[in-house]
Amino acid sequence: MKLISFAAKNCASRLMFIRAATMLCGQVSRVGRSARKLLRPKNLQLARQHLIASLKSCQKSFSREDGGAIVEFVALAIPLFIPIFIYLNSFSSVSANEEIAQSMAREVLRVYVISESDGAGQELSGRAAQLLARQWNLSDSERATLRTTMDCSHFPCLTANGRIKLTLSFIDEETKRKVSASAQEHLSPWL
C-alpha cells in the first residue's frame, strides 16, 4: 500500500512539473535571455519526452508482479500455520503429562509391591504419589485430582503369584483433559 501511494505521489509530482514547464513557455517574455534558451520549445519538448518516458517506466515497474508469490504465500500460510502451532503446543503439554503419569504409576506400584502388607502398601503408595507429584512439578489442581486405583488378581493383593495393576490419573490443568497411565507387576511365586 505504501509503495502504491509513493508511486502515485512520485508520478503526480512529475506531471505537475510538466504542467509547470508548459506554463513557463507562456511566460517566456518575462524571463531573462539565459532562461529563454532553456525554455525553447525544442528543449521543453525533450524534457517532456524524457518525463513521459520516466513516467512510463515508473508505471511498468509498479505494475510488475515480482515478489507477489511470496506475499500470497505468507498471507495464506500464516493463518494455516497458527492452528497447527496451537495444536502442537497443547499436544506437547499433554504428552509431557502422560510421560509423568506413566513414570509415577511405575514408581508408586514398585513402592506398593516392596511394602510388607496391603495396609502399609496403600499408605506408602499414597505418600509416594504425592511426593512424586510435587517433585515433577504438577500444579496444585493436578495434585488435587490425582487418583490411584489398584486391580489385584488375588486378595490380599500381596499374594504369591499374583498380578497387580495400578492406574493413576489426574486432570491436566491446561487442557482439562484426563491423563491416565497404568503399570502392572507380577509377584513372585516364592513370596
N, C-alpha and C. Protein backbone atom coordinates (compact mmCIF):
# COMPACT_ATOMS: atom_id res chain seq x y z
N MET A 1 0.83 -1.17 0.00
CA MET A 1 0.00 0.00 0.00
C MET A 1 0.88 1.25 0.00
N LYS A 2 1.92 1.25 0.83
CA LYS A 2 2.82 2.40 0.87
C LYS A 2 3.53 2.58 -0.46
N LEU A 3 3.87 1.46 -1.10
CA LEU A 3 4.56 1.51 -2.38
C LEU A 3 3.68 2.15 -3.45
N ILE A 4 2.40 1.82 -3.44
CA ILE A 4 1.48 2.39 -4.42
C ILE A 4 1.31 3.88 -4.18
N SER A 5 1.16 4.29 -2.91
CA SER A 5 0.99 5.71 -2.63
C SER A 5 2.27 6.48 -2.98
N PHE A 6 3.43 5.88 -2.76
CA PHE A 6 4.69 6.52 -3.15
C PHE A 6 4.74 6.72 -4.66
N ALA A 7 4.33 5.68 -5.39
CA ALA A 7 4.35 5.75 -6.85
C ALA A 7 3.38 6.82 -7.33
N ALA A 8 2.21 6.89 -6.72
CA ALA A 8 1.22 7.88 -7.13
C ALA A 8 1.75 9.29 -6.87
N LYS A 9 2.37 9.51 -5.70
CA LYS A 9 2.90 10.83 -5.39
C LYS A 9 4.04 11.19 -6.34
N ASN A 10 4.93 10.21 -6.59
CA ASN A 10 6.07 10.44 -7.46
C ASN A 10 5.62 10.77 -8.87
N CYS A 11 4.70 9.99 -9.40
CA CYS A 11 4.21 10.22 -10.75
C CYS A 11 3.42 11.52 -10.82
N ALA A 12 2.64 11.83 -9.79
CA ALA A 12 1.88 13.08 -9.77
C ALA A 12 2.81 14.28 -9.74
N SER A 13 3.91 14.21 -9.00
CA SER A 13 4.84 15.34 -8.96
C SER A 13 5.50 15.55 -10.33
N ARG A 14 5.75 14.49 -11.06
CA ARG A 14 6.33 14.63 -12.40
C ARG A 14 5.32 15.29 -13.35
N LEU A 15 4.05 14.90 -13.22
CA LEU A 15 3.03 15.53 -14.05
C LEU A 15 2.91 17.01 -13.75
N MET A 16 3.01 17.35 -12.48
CA MET A 16 2.96 18.77 -12.09
C MET A 16 4.14 19.53 -12.68
N PHE A 17 5.31 18.88 -12.73
CA PHE A 17 6.48 19.52 -13.31
C PHE A 17 6.26 19.80 -14.80
N ILE A 18 5.66 18.87 -15.50
CA ILE A 18 5.38 19.06 -16.94
C ILE A 18 4.43 20.23 -17.12
N ARG A 19 3.38 20.28 -16.31
CA ARG A 19 2.43 21.38 -16.41
C ARG A 19 3.11 22.72 -16.12
N ALA A 20 3.97 22.73 -15.10
CA ALA A 20 4.68 23.97 -14.77
C ALA A 20 5.58 24.39 -15.91
N ALA A 21 6.25 23.43 -16.56
CA ALA A 21 7.13 23.76 -17.67
C ALA A 21 6.34 24.33 -18.84
N THR A 22 5.18 23.79 -19.11
CA THR A 22 4.37 24.33 -20.21
C THR A 22 3.83 25.71 -19.87
N MET A 23 3.54 25.95 -18.61
CA MET A 23 3.09 27.29 -18.21
C MET A 23 4.21 28.30 -18.37
N LEU A 24 5.44 27.85 -18.10
CA LEU A 24 6.58 28.75 -18.24
C LEU A 24 6.80 29.16 -19.69
N CYS A 25 6.43 28.27 -20.60
CA CYS A 25 6.58 28.62 -22.02
C CYS A 25 5.74 29.84 -22.36
N GLY A 26 4.62 29.96 -21.73
CA GLY A 26 3.75 31.10 -21.98
C GLY A 26 4.29 32.38 -21.38
N GLN A 27 5.14 32.28 -20.40
CA GLN A 27 5.66 33.46 -19.71
C GLN A 27 7.12 33.74 -20.06
N VAL A 28 7.56 33.31 -21.22
CA VAL A 28 8.95 33.47 -21.62
C VAL A 28 9.31 34.94 -21.75
N SER A 29 8.37 35.74 -22.09
CA SER A 29 8.67 37.16 -22.31
C SER A 29 9.11 37.85 -21.03
N ARG A 30 8.76 37.37 -19.89
CA ARG A 30 9.13 37.99 -18.62
C ARG A 30 10.49 37.52 -18.11
N VAL A 31 11.02 36.42 -18.68
CA VAL A 31 12.25 35.81 -18.17
C VAL A 31 13.44 36.35 -18.95
N GLY A 32 14.62 36.33 -18.33
CA GLY A 32 15.84 36.83 -18.96
C GLY A 32 16.30 35.96 -20.11
N ARG A 33 17.39 36.40 -20.81
CA ARG A 33 17.88 35.75 -22.02
C ARG A 33 18.37 34.32 -21.77
N SER A 34 19.11 34.05 -20.67
CA SER A 34 19.63 32.70 -20.42
C SER A 34 18.51 31.71 -20.13
N ALA A 35 17.48 32.15 -19.47
CA ALA A 35 16.35 31.27 -19.20
C ALA A 35 15.56 31.01 -20.46
N ARG A 36 15.56 31.99 -21.37
CA ARG A 36 14.84 31.79 -22.62
C ARG A 36 15.46 30.65 -23.43
N LYS A 37 16.78 30.50 -23.35
CA LYS A 37 17.46 29.40 -24.06
C LYS A 37 16.97 28.04 -23.55
N LEU A 38 16.84 27.95 -22.24
CA LEU A 38 16.39 26.67 -21.66
C LEU A 38 14.94 26.38 -21.99
N LEU A 39 14.17 27.42 -22.11
CA LEU A 39 12.74 27.23 -22.30
C LEU A 39 12.32 27.27 -23.77
N ARG A 40 13.24 27.05 -24.65
CA ARG A 40 12.89 26.95 -26.07
C ARG A 40 12.00 25.74 -26.26
N PRO A 41 11.14 25.79 -27.25
CA PRO A 41 10.22 24.67 -27.47
C PRO A 41 10.94 23.34 -27.70
N LYS A 42 12.12 23.37 -28.33
CA LYS A 42 12.85 22.12 -28.57
C LYS A 42 13.31 21.51 -27.24
N ASN A 43 13.88 22.34 -26.36
CA ASN A 43 14.33 21.84 -25.05
C ASN A 43 13.16 21.38 -24.19
N LEU A 44 12.06 22.14 -24.26
CA LEU A 44 10.87 21.72 -23.49
C LEU A 44 10.30 20.42 -24.02
N GLN A 45 10.35 20.26 -25.36
CA GLN A 45 9.85 19.01 -25.94
C GLN A 45 10.70 17.82 -25.49
N LEU A 46 12.02 18.00 -25.45
CA LEU A 46 12.91 16.93 -24.97
C LEU A 46 12.65 16.62 -23.50
N ALA A 47 12.49 17.67 -22.70
CA ALA A 47 12.22 17.47 -21.27
C ALA A 47 10.90 16.74 -21.09
N ARG A 48 9.90 17.13 -21.88
CA ARG A 48 8.59 16.49 -21.79
C ARG A 48 8.69 15.01 -22.18
N GLN A 49 9.40 14.71 -23.27
CA GLN A 49 9.57 13.32 -23.70
C GLN A 49 10.31 12.50 -22.64
N HIS A 50 11.33 13.11 -22.06
CA HIS A 50 12.07 12.42 -21.01
C HIS A 50 11.17 12.12 -19.80
N LEU A 51 10.37 13.08 -19.42
CA LEU A 51 9.46 12.87 -18.28
C LEU A 51 8.39 11.83 -18.59
N ILE A 52 7.87 11.87 -19.80
CA ILE A 52 6.86 10.87 -20.18
C ILE A 52 7.47 9.47 -20.18
N ALA A 53 8.70 9.35 -20.69
CA ALA A 53 9.38 8.04 -20.69
C ALA A 53 9.63 7.57 -19.27
N SER A 54 10.04 8.48 -18.38
CA SER A 54 10.28 8.07 -16.99
C SER A 54 8.97 7.72 -16.29
N LEU A 55 7.87 8.40 -16.64
CA LEU A 55 6.57 8.03 -16.08
C LEU A 55 6.13 6.64 -16.54
N LYS A 56 6.36 6.34 -17.81
CA LYS A 56 6.01 5.01 -18.31
C LYS A 56 6.83 3.92 -17.64
N SER A 57 8.13 4.19 -17.46
CA SER A 57 8.96 3.18 -16.77
C SER A 57 8.53 3.05 -15.31
N CYS A 58 8.14 4.17 -14.71
CA CYS A 58 7.64 4.13 -13.33
C CYS A 58 6.38 3.27 -13.26
N GLN A 59 5.48 3.46 -14.22
CA GLN A 59 4.25 2.69 -14.24
C GLN A 59 4.53 1.21 -14.47
N LYS A 60 5.46 0.89 -15.36
CA LYS A 60 5.81 -0.51 -15.62
C LYS A 60 6.40 -1.17 -14.38
N SER A 61 7.28 -0.44 -13.68
CA SER A 61 7.92 -1.05 -12.51
C SER A 61 6.93 -1.32 -11.39
N PHE A 62 5.89 -0.48 -11.30
CA PHE A 62 4.91 -0.71 -10.25
C PHE A 62 3.81 -1.67 -10.67
N SER A 63 3.68 -1.96 -11.94
CA SER A 63 2.66 -2.91 -12.38
C SER A 63 3.21 -4.33 -12.47
N ARG A 64 4.52 -4.52 -12.32
CA ARG A 64 5.09 -5.87 -12.33
C ARG A 64 4.64 -6.63 -11.09
N GLU A 65 4.66 -7.94 -11.18
CA GLU A 65 4.24 -8.76 -10.05
C GLU A 65 5.40 -9.57 -9.47
N ASP A 66 6.61 -9.05 -9.57
CA ASP A 66 7.76 -9.73 -8.96
C ASP A 66 7.58 -9.74 -7.45
N GLY A 67 7.72 -10.89 -6.83
CA GLY A 67 7.59 -10.99 -5.38
C GLY A 67 6.16 -11.18 -4.93
N GLY A 68 5.22 -11.19 -5.85
CA GLY A 68 3.81 -11.37 -5.49
C GLY A 68 3.53 -12.75 -4.91
N ALA A 69 4.26 -13.76 -5.37
CA ALA A 69 4.06 -15.12 -4.87
C ALA A 69 4.46 -15.22 -3.40
N ILE A 70 5.48 -14.49 -3.02
CA ILE A 70 5.93 -14.52 -1.62
C ILE A 70 4.85 -13.92 -0.73
N VAL A 71 4.29 -12.80 -1.16
CA VAL A 71 3.26 -12.14 -0.37
C VAL A 71 2.03 -13.04 -0.25
N GLU A 72 1.65 -13.66 -1.36
CA GLU A 72 0.49 -14.56 -1.33
C GLU A 72 0.75 -15.76 -0.43
N PHE A 73 1.96 -16.31 -0.49
CA PHE A 73 2.28 -17.45 0.36
C PHE A 73 2.19 -17.07 1.83
N VAL A 74 2.77 -15.94 2.19
CA VAL A 74 2.73 -15.50 3.59
C VAL A 74 1.30 -15.24 4.02
N ALA A 75 0.52 -14.59 3.15
CA ALA A 75 -0.87 -14.27 3.50
C ALA A 75 -1.71 -15.53 3.68
N LEU A 76 -1.41 -16.57 2.92
CA LEU A 76 -2.19 -17.81 3.05
C LEU A 76 -1.61 -18.77 4.07
N ALA A 77 -0.31 -18.78 4.22
CA ALA A 77 0.33 -19.78 5.09
C ALA A 77 0.19 -19.44 6.57
N ILE A 78 0.29 -18.19 6.93
CA ILE A 78 0.24 -17.83 8.35
C ILE A 78 -1.09 -18.25 8.98
N PRO A 79 -2.24 -17.96 8.37
CA PRO A 79 -3.49 -18.44 9.00
C PRO A 79 -3.58 -19.96 9.10
N LEU A 80 -2.87 -20.67 8.22
CA LEU A 80 -2.90 -22.13 8.30
C LEU A 80 -1.94 -22.66 9.36
N PHE A 81 -0.81 -21.98 9.55
CA PHE A 81 0.18 -22.46 10.49
C PHE A 81 -0.17 -22.16 11.94
N ILE A 82 -0.88 -21.11 12.21
CA ILE A 82 -1.20 -20.75 13.59
C ILE A 82 -1.98 -21.85 14.30
N PRO A 83 -3.05 -22.41 13.72
CA PRO A 83 -3.74 -23.51 14.41
C PRO A 83 -2.85 -24.75 14.60
N ILE A 84 -1.97 -24.99 13.63
CA ILE A 84 -1.07 -26.14 13.77
C ILE A 84 -0.15 -25.94 14.97
N PHE A 85 0.41 -24.73 15.14
CA PHE A 85 1.28 -24.46 16.28
C PHE A 85 0.52 -24.56 17.59
N ILE A 86 -0.71 -24.10 17.63
CA ILE A 86 -1.52 -24.20 18.85
C ILE A 86 -1.77 -25.67 19.19
N TYR A 87 -2.11 -26.47 18.18
CA TYR A 87 -2.36 -27.90 18.41
C TYR A 87 -1.09 -28.59 18.91
N LEU A 88 0.04 -28.31 18.27
CA LEU A 88 1.29 -28.95 18.69
C LEU A 88 1.69 -28.55 20.11
N ASN A 89 1.42 -27.31 20.48
CA ASN A 89 1.73 -26.86 21.84
C ASN A 89 0.88 -27.61 22.86
N SER A 90 -0.42 -27.75 22.61
CA SER A 90 -1.26 -28.48 23.56
C SER A 90 -0.92 -29.97 23.56
N PHE A 91 -0.56 -30.50 22.38
CA PHE A 91 -0.17 -31.91 22.32
C PHE A 91 1.10 -32.16 23.13
N SER A 92 2.06 -31.25 23.05
CA SER A 92 3.30 -31.45 23.81
C SER A 92 3.04 -31.37 25.32
N SER A 93 2.13 -30.49 25.72
CA SER A 93 1.78 -30.39 27.14
C SER A 93 1.15 -31.68 27.64
N VAL A 94 0.21 -32.20 26.86
CA VAL A 94 -0.47 -33.43 27.27
C VAL A 94 0.49 -34.61 27.25
N SER A 95 1.33 -34.70 26.22
CA SER A 95 2.25 -35.84 26.15
C SER A 95 3.29 -35.78 27.28
N ALA A 96 3.70 -34.58 27.69
CA ALA A 96 4.62 -34.47 28.82
C ALA A 96 3.94 -34.96 30.10
N ASN A 97 2.68 -34.60 30.29
CA ASN A 97 1.96 -35.06 31.47
C ASN A 97 1.69 -36.56 31.42
N GLU A 98 1.48 -37.11 30.24
CA GLU A 98 1.30 -38.56 30.14
C GLU A 98 2.59 -39.29 30.50
N GLU A 99 3.72 -38.74 30.10
CA GLU A 99 5.01 -39.33 30.47
C GLU A 99 5.20 -39.29 31.99
N ILE A 100 4.82 -38.18 32.60
CA ILE A 100 4.90 -38.07 34.07
C ILE A 100 3.98 -39.10 34.71
N ALA A 101 2.78 -39.25 34.18
CA ALA A 101 1.82 -40.20 34.75
C ALA A 101 2.33 -41.64 34.64
N GLN A 102 2.94 -41.98 33.51
CA GLN A 102 3.48 -43.35 33.36
C GLN A 102 4.60 -43.61 34.35
N SER A 103 5.50 -42.66 34.49
CA SER A 103 6.61 -42.83 35.44
C SER A 103 6.10 -42.91 36.87
N MET A 104 5.14 -42.06 37.21
CA MET A 104 4.57 -42.09 38.57
C MET A 104 3.89 -43.42 38.85
N ALA A 105 3.13 -43.95 37.87
CA ALA A 105 2.43 -45.21 38.07
C ALA A 105 3.43 -46.34 38.34
N ARG A 106 4.52 -46.38 37.58
CA ARG A 106 5.53 -47.43 37.80
C ARG A 106 6.15 -47.31 39.19
N GLU A 107 6.53 -46.10 39.56
CA GLU A 107 7.20 -45.90 40.86
C GLU A 107 6.26 -46.18 42.03
N VAL A 108 5.03 -45.71 41.93
CA VAL A 108 4.07 -45.94 43.02
C VAL A 108 3.78 -47.43 43.16
N LEU A 109 3.66 -48.16 42.06
CA LEU A 109 3.43 -49.60 42.13
C LEU A 109 4.63 -50.32 42.72
N ARG A 110 5.84 -49.89 42.40
CA ARG A 110 7.03 -50.50 43.00
C ARG A 110 7.04 -50.31 44.51
N VAL A 111 6.66 -49.11 44.94
CA VAL A 111 6.59 -48.86 46.39
C VAL A 111 5.57 -49.80 47.03
N TYR A 112 4.43 -49.98 46.37
CA TYR A 112 3.39 -50.86 46.93
C TYR A 112 3.88 -52.32 47.00
N VAL A 113 4.55 -52.77 45.94
CA VAL A 113 4.98 -54.18 45.87
C VAL A 113 6.04 -54.49 46.91
N ILE A 114 6.94 -53.56 47.21
CA ILE A 114 8.01 -53.87 48.17
C ILE A 114 7.58 -53.62 49.62
N SER A 115 6.35 -53.19 49.84
CA SER A 115 5.90 -52.97 51.22
C SER A 115 5.59 -54.31 51.89
N GLU A 116 5.43 -54.29 53.22
CA GLU A 116 5.27 -55.53 53.99
C GLU A 116 3.86 -56.07 53.98
N SER A 117 2.87 -55.18 53.86
CA SER A 117 1.47 -55.64 53.88
C SER A 117 0.63 -54.74 52.99
N ASP A 118 -0.63 -55.16 52.79
CA ASP A 118 -1.52 -54.35 51.95
C ASP A 118 -1.78 -52.98 52.57
N GLY A 119 -2.03 -52.93 53.86
CA GLY A 119 -2.31 -51.65 54.53
C GLY A 119 -1.11 -50.71 54.44
N ALA A 120 0.09 -51.24 54.72
CA ALA A 120 1.29 -50.40 54.63
C ALA A 120 1.54 -49.99 53.18
N GLY A 121 1.27 -50.89 52.25
CA GLY A 121 1.46 -50.60 50.82
C GLY A 121 0.53 -49.48 50.35
N GLN A 122 -0.72 -49.50 50.82
CA GLN A 122 -1.67 -48.43 50.45
C GLN A 122 -1.20 -47.08 50.97
N GLU A 123 -0.76 -47.06 52.23
CA GLU A 123 -0.32 -45.81 52.84
C GLU A 123 0.95 -45.28 52.16
N LEU A 124 1.94 -46.16 51.98
CA LEU A 124 3.21 -45.73 51.36
C LEU A 124 3.03 -45.32 49.90
N SER A 125 2.19 -46.04 49.16
CA SER A 125 1.99 -45.67 47.75
C SER A 125 1.26 -44.33 47.62
N GLY A 126 0.35 -44.03 48.55
CA GLY A 126 -0.32 -42.72 48.54
C GLY A 126 0.67 -41.59 48.80
N ARG A 127 1.54 -41.80 49.80
CA ARG A 127 2.58 -40.79 50.08
C ARG A 127 3.54 -40.63 48.90
N ALA A 128 3.91 -41.75 48.29
CA ALA A 128 4.83 -41.71 47.16
C ALA A 128 4.21 -40.96 45.97
N ALA A 129 2.93 -41.16 45.75
CA ALA A 129 2.26 -40.47 44.64
C ALA A 129 2.28 -38.96 44.87
N GLN A 130 1.99 -38.51 46.08
CA GLN A 130 2.01 -37.07 46.37
C GLN A 130 3.43 -36.49 46.29
N LEU A 131 4.39 -37.25 46.81
CA LEU A 131 5.78 -36.79 46.76
C LEU A 131 6.28 -36.67 45.31
N LEU A 132 5.97 -37.68 44.51
CA LEU A 132 6.39 -37.62 43.10
C LEU A 132 5.67 -36.51 42.34
N ALA A 133 4.41 -36.26 42.67
CA ALA A 133 3.67 -35.18 42.00
C ALA A 133 4.31 -33.83 42.30
N ARG A 134 4.73 -33.62 43.53
CA ARG A 134 5.43 -32.37 43.87
C ARG A 134 6.80 -32.31 43.19
N GLN A 135 7.50 -33.43 43.20
CA GLN A 135 8.84 -33.48 42.62
C GLN A 135 8.81 -33.22 41.12
N TRP A 136 7.79 -33.69 40.42
CA TRP A 136 7.70 -33.50 38.97
C TRP A 136 6.85 -32.28 38.61
N ASN A 137 6.68 -31.39 39.57
CA ASN A 137 6.06 -30.07 39.36
C ASN A 137 4.64 -30.11 38.80
N LEU A 138 3.84 -31.03 39.29
CA LEU A 138 2.41 -30.96 38.95
C LEU A 138 1.80 -29.81 39.74
N SER A 139 0.84 -29.13 39.15
CA SER A 139 0.21 -27.99 39.82
C SER A 139 -0.67 -28.48 40.97
N ASP A 140 -1.11 -27.53 41.79
CA ASP A 140 -1.96 -27.88 42.93
C ASP A 140 -3.28 -28.51 42.48
N SER A 141 -3.85 -27.98 41.40
CA SER A 141 -5.12 -28.55 40.91
C SER A 141 -4.91 -29.96 40.35
N GLU A 142 -3.77 -30.20 39.73
CA GLU A 142 -3.48 -31.54 39.22
C GLU A 142 -3.24 -32.52 40.37
N ARG A 143 -2.56 -32.05 41.41
CA ARG A 143 -2.36 -32.92 42.58
C ARG A 143 -3.66 -33.20 43.30
N ALA A 144 -4.59 -32.23 43.29
CA ALA A 144 -5.88 -32.43 43.96
C ALA A 144 -6.72 -33.47 43.23
N THR A 145 -6.55 -33.59 41.92
CA THR A 145 -7.34 -34.57 41.15
C THR A 145 -6.61 -35.89 40.96
N LEU A 146 -5.46 -36.05 41.59
CA LEU A 146 -4.66 -37.27 41.45
C LEU A 146 -5.37 -38.45 42.12
N ARG A 147 -5.61 -39.50 41.35
CA ARG A 147 -6.30 -40.70 41.85
C ARG A 147 -5.50 -41.94 41.45
N THR A 148 -5.45 -42.92 42.36
CA THR A 148 -4.83 -44.21 42.05
C THR A 148 -5.83 -45.30 42.37
N THR A 149 -5.90 -46.30 41.49
CA THR A 149 -6.76 -47.46 41.73
C THR A 149 -5.94 -48.72 41.52
N MET A 150 -6.19 -49.71 42.37
CA MET A 150 -5.50 -51.00 42.28
C MET A 150 -6.46 -52.07 41.80
N ASP A 151 -5.96 -52.92 40.94
CA ASP A 151 -6.71 -54.08 40.49
C ASP A 151 -5.83 -55.30 40.73
N CYS A 152 -6.26 -56.17 41.60
CA CYS A 152 -5.45 -57.32 42.00
C CYS A 152 -6.09 -58.62 41.52
N SER A 153 -5.26 -59.58 41.16
CA SER A 153 -5.77 -60.88 40.75
C SER A 153 -6.12 -61.75 41.94
N HIS A 154 -5.50 -61.50 43.09
CA HIS A 154 -5.79 -62.25 44.33
C HIS A 154 -6.08 -61.25 45.45
N PHE A 155 -6.74 -61.74 46.48
CA PHE A 155 -6.93 -60.91 47.65
C PHE A 155 -6.36 -61.64 48.85
N PRO A 156 -5.55 -61.05 49.62
CA PRO A 156 -4.95 -59.72 49.56
C PRO A 156 -4.04 -59.58 48.35
N CYS A 157 -3.79 -58.34 47.98
CA CYS A 157 -3.04 -58.05 46.73
C CYS A 157 -1.63 -58.63 46.77
N LEU A 158 -0.97 -58.56 47.91
CA LEU A 158 0.41 -59.04 48.01
C LEU A 158 0.41 -60.54 48.31
N THR A 159 -0.12 -61.32 47.37
CA THR A 159 -0.16 -62.77 47.47
C THR A 159 0.78 -63.34 46.42
N ALA A 160 1.42 -64.47 46.75
CA ALA A 160 2.36 -65.09 45.82
C ALA A 160 1.67 -65.41 44.49
N ASN A 161 2.44 -65.21 43.42
CA ASN A 161 2.00 -65.47 42.04
C ASN A 161 0.79 -64.62 41.62
N GLY A 162 0.68 -63.45 42.18
CA GLY A 162 -0.44 -62.56 41.84
C GLY A 162 -0.01 -61.45 40.88
N ARG A 163 -1.01 -60.82 40.30
CA ARG A 163 -0.77 -59.68 39.42
C ARG A 163 -1.46 -58.46 40.03
N ILE A 164 -0.74 -57.34 39.98
CA ILE A 164 -1.29 -56.09 40.49
C ILE A 164 -1.19 -55.06 39.36
N LYS A 165 -2.32 -54.42 39.10
CA LYS A 165 -2.35 -53.35 38.10
C LYS A 165 -2.76 -52.06 38.79
N LEU A 166 -1.93 -51.03 38.67
CA LEU A 166 -2.21 -49.74 39.26
C LEU A 166 -2.51 -48.75 38.13
N THR A 167 -3.62 -48.04 38.27
CA THR A 167 -3.98 -46.99 37.30
C THR A 167 -3.95 -45.67 38.03
N LEU A 168 -3.16 -44.74 37.49
CA LEU A 168 -3.00 -43.41 38.07
C LEU A 168 -3.60 -42.41 37.09
N SER A 169 -4.38 -41.45 37.61
CA SER A 169 -4.98 -40.45 36.73
C SER A 169 -5.07 -39.09 37.42
N PHE A 170 -5.06 -38.05 36.62
CA PHE A 170 -5.30 -36.68 37.10
C PHE A 170 -5.77 -35.84 35.92
N ILE A 171 -6.31 -34.65 36.22
CA ILE A 171 -6.82 -33.75 35.19
C ILE A 171 -5.73 -32.73 34.85
N ASP A 172 -5.38 -32.65 33.56
CA ASP A 172 -4.39 -31.69 33.10
C ASP A 172 -4.93 -30.27 33.27
N GLU A 173 -4.15 -29.40 33.88
CA GLU A 173 -4.61 -28.04 34.19
C GLU A 173 -4.84 -27.21 32.93
N GLU A 174 -3.98 -27.33 31.93
CA GLU A 174 -4.10 -26.51 30.71
C GLU A 174 -5.26 -26.94 29.84
N THR A 175 -5.35 -28.23 29.53
CA THR A 175 -6.34 -28.71 28.57
C THR A 175 -7.60 -29.26 29.21
N LYS A 176 -7.60 -29.41 30.53
CA LYS A 176 -8.74 -30.00 31.26
C LYS A 176 -9.05 -31.41 30.77
N ARG A 177 -8.03 -32.09 30.33
CA ARG A 177 -8.16 -33.46 29.83
C ARG A 177 -7.67 -34.42 30.90
N LYS A 178 -8.34 -35.57 30.99
CA LYS A 178 -7.92 -36.58 31.97
C LYS A 178 -6.71 -37.32 31.42
N VAL A 179 -5.64 -37.32 32.22
CA VAL A 179 -4.41 -38.02 31.86
C VAL A 179 -4.34 -39.25 32.75
N SER A 180 -4.20 -40.41 32.14
CA SER A 180 -4.11 -41.62 32.96
C SER A 180 -3.05 -42.56 32.40
N ALA A 181 -2.48 -43.34 33.30
CA ALA A 181 -1.47 -44.32 32.91
C ALA A 181 -1.58 -45.52 33.84
N SER A 182 -1.16 -46.66 33.35
CA SER A 182 -1.23 -47.89 34.14
C SER A 182 0.14 -48.55 34.19
N ALA A 183 0.34 -49.29 35.27
CA ALA A 183 1.55 -50.10 35.41
C ALA A 183 1.11 -51.44 36.01
N GLN A 184 1.85 -52.47 35.68
CA GLN A 184 1.46 -53.81 36.13
C GLN A 184 2.69 -54.54 36.65
N GLU A 185 2.51 -55.28 37.74
CA GLU A 185 3.59 -56.08 38.33
C GLU A 185 3.09 -57.50 38.54
N HIS A 186 3.99 -58.43 38.34
CA HIS A 186 3.70 -59.84 38.62
C HIS A 186 4.52 -60.23 39.85
N LEU A 187 3.84 -60.71 40.87
CA LEU A 187 4.53 -61.09 42.10
C LEU A 187 5.12 -62.49 41.96
N SER A 188 6.23 -62.69 42.58
CA SER A 188 6.94 -63.96 42.53
C SER A 188 6.13 -65.08 43.20
N PRO A 189 6.21 -66.29 42.69
CA PRO A 189 5.50 -67.41 43.33
C PRO A 189 6.15 -67.79 44.67
N TRP A 190 7.34 -67.33 44.94
CA TRP A 190 8.04 -67.68 46.18
C TRP A 190 7.97 -66.55 47.19
N LEU A 191 6.96 -65.77 47.17
CA LEU A 191 6.81 -64.64 48.08
C LEU A 191 6.52 -65.08 49.49
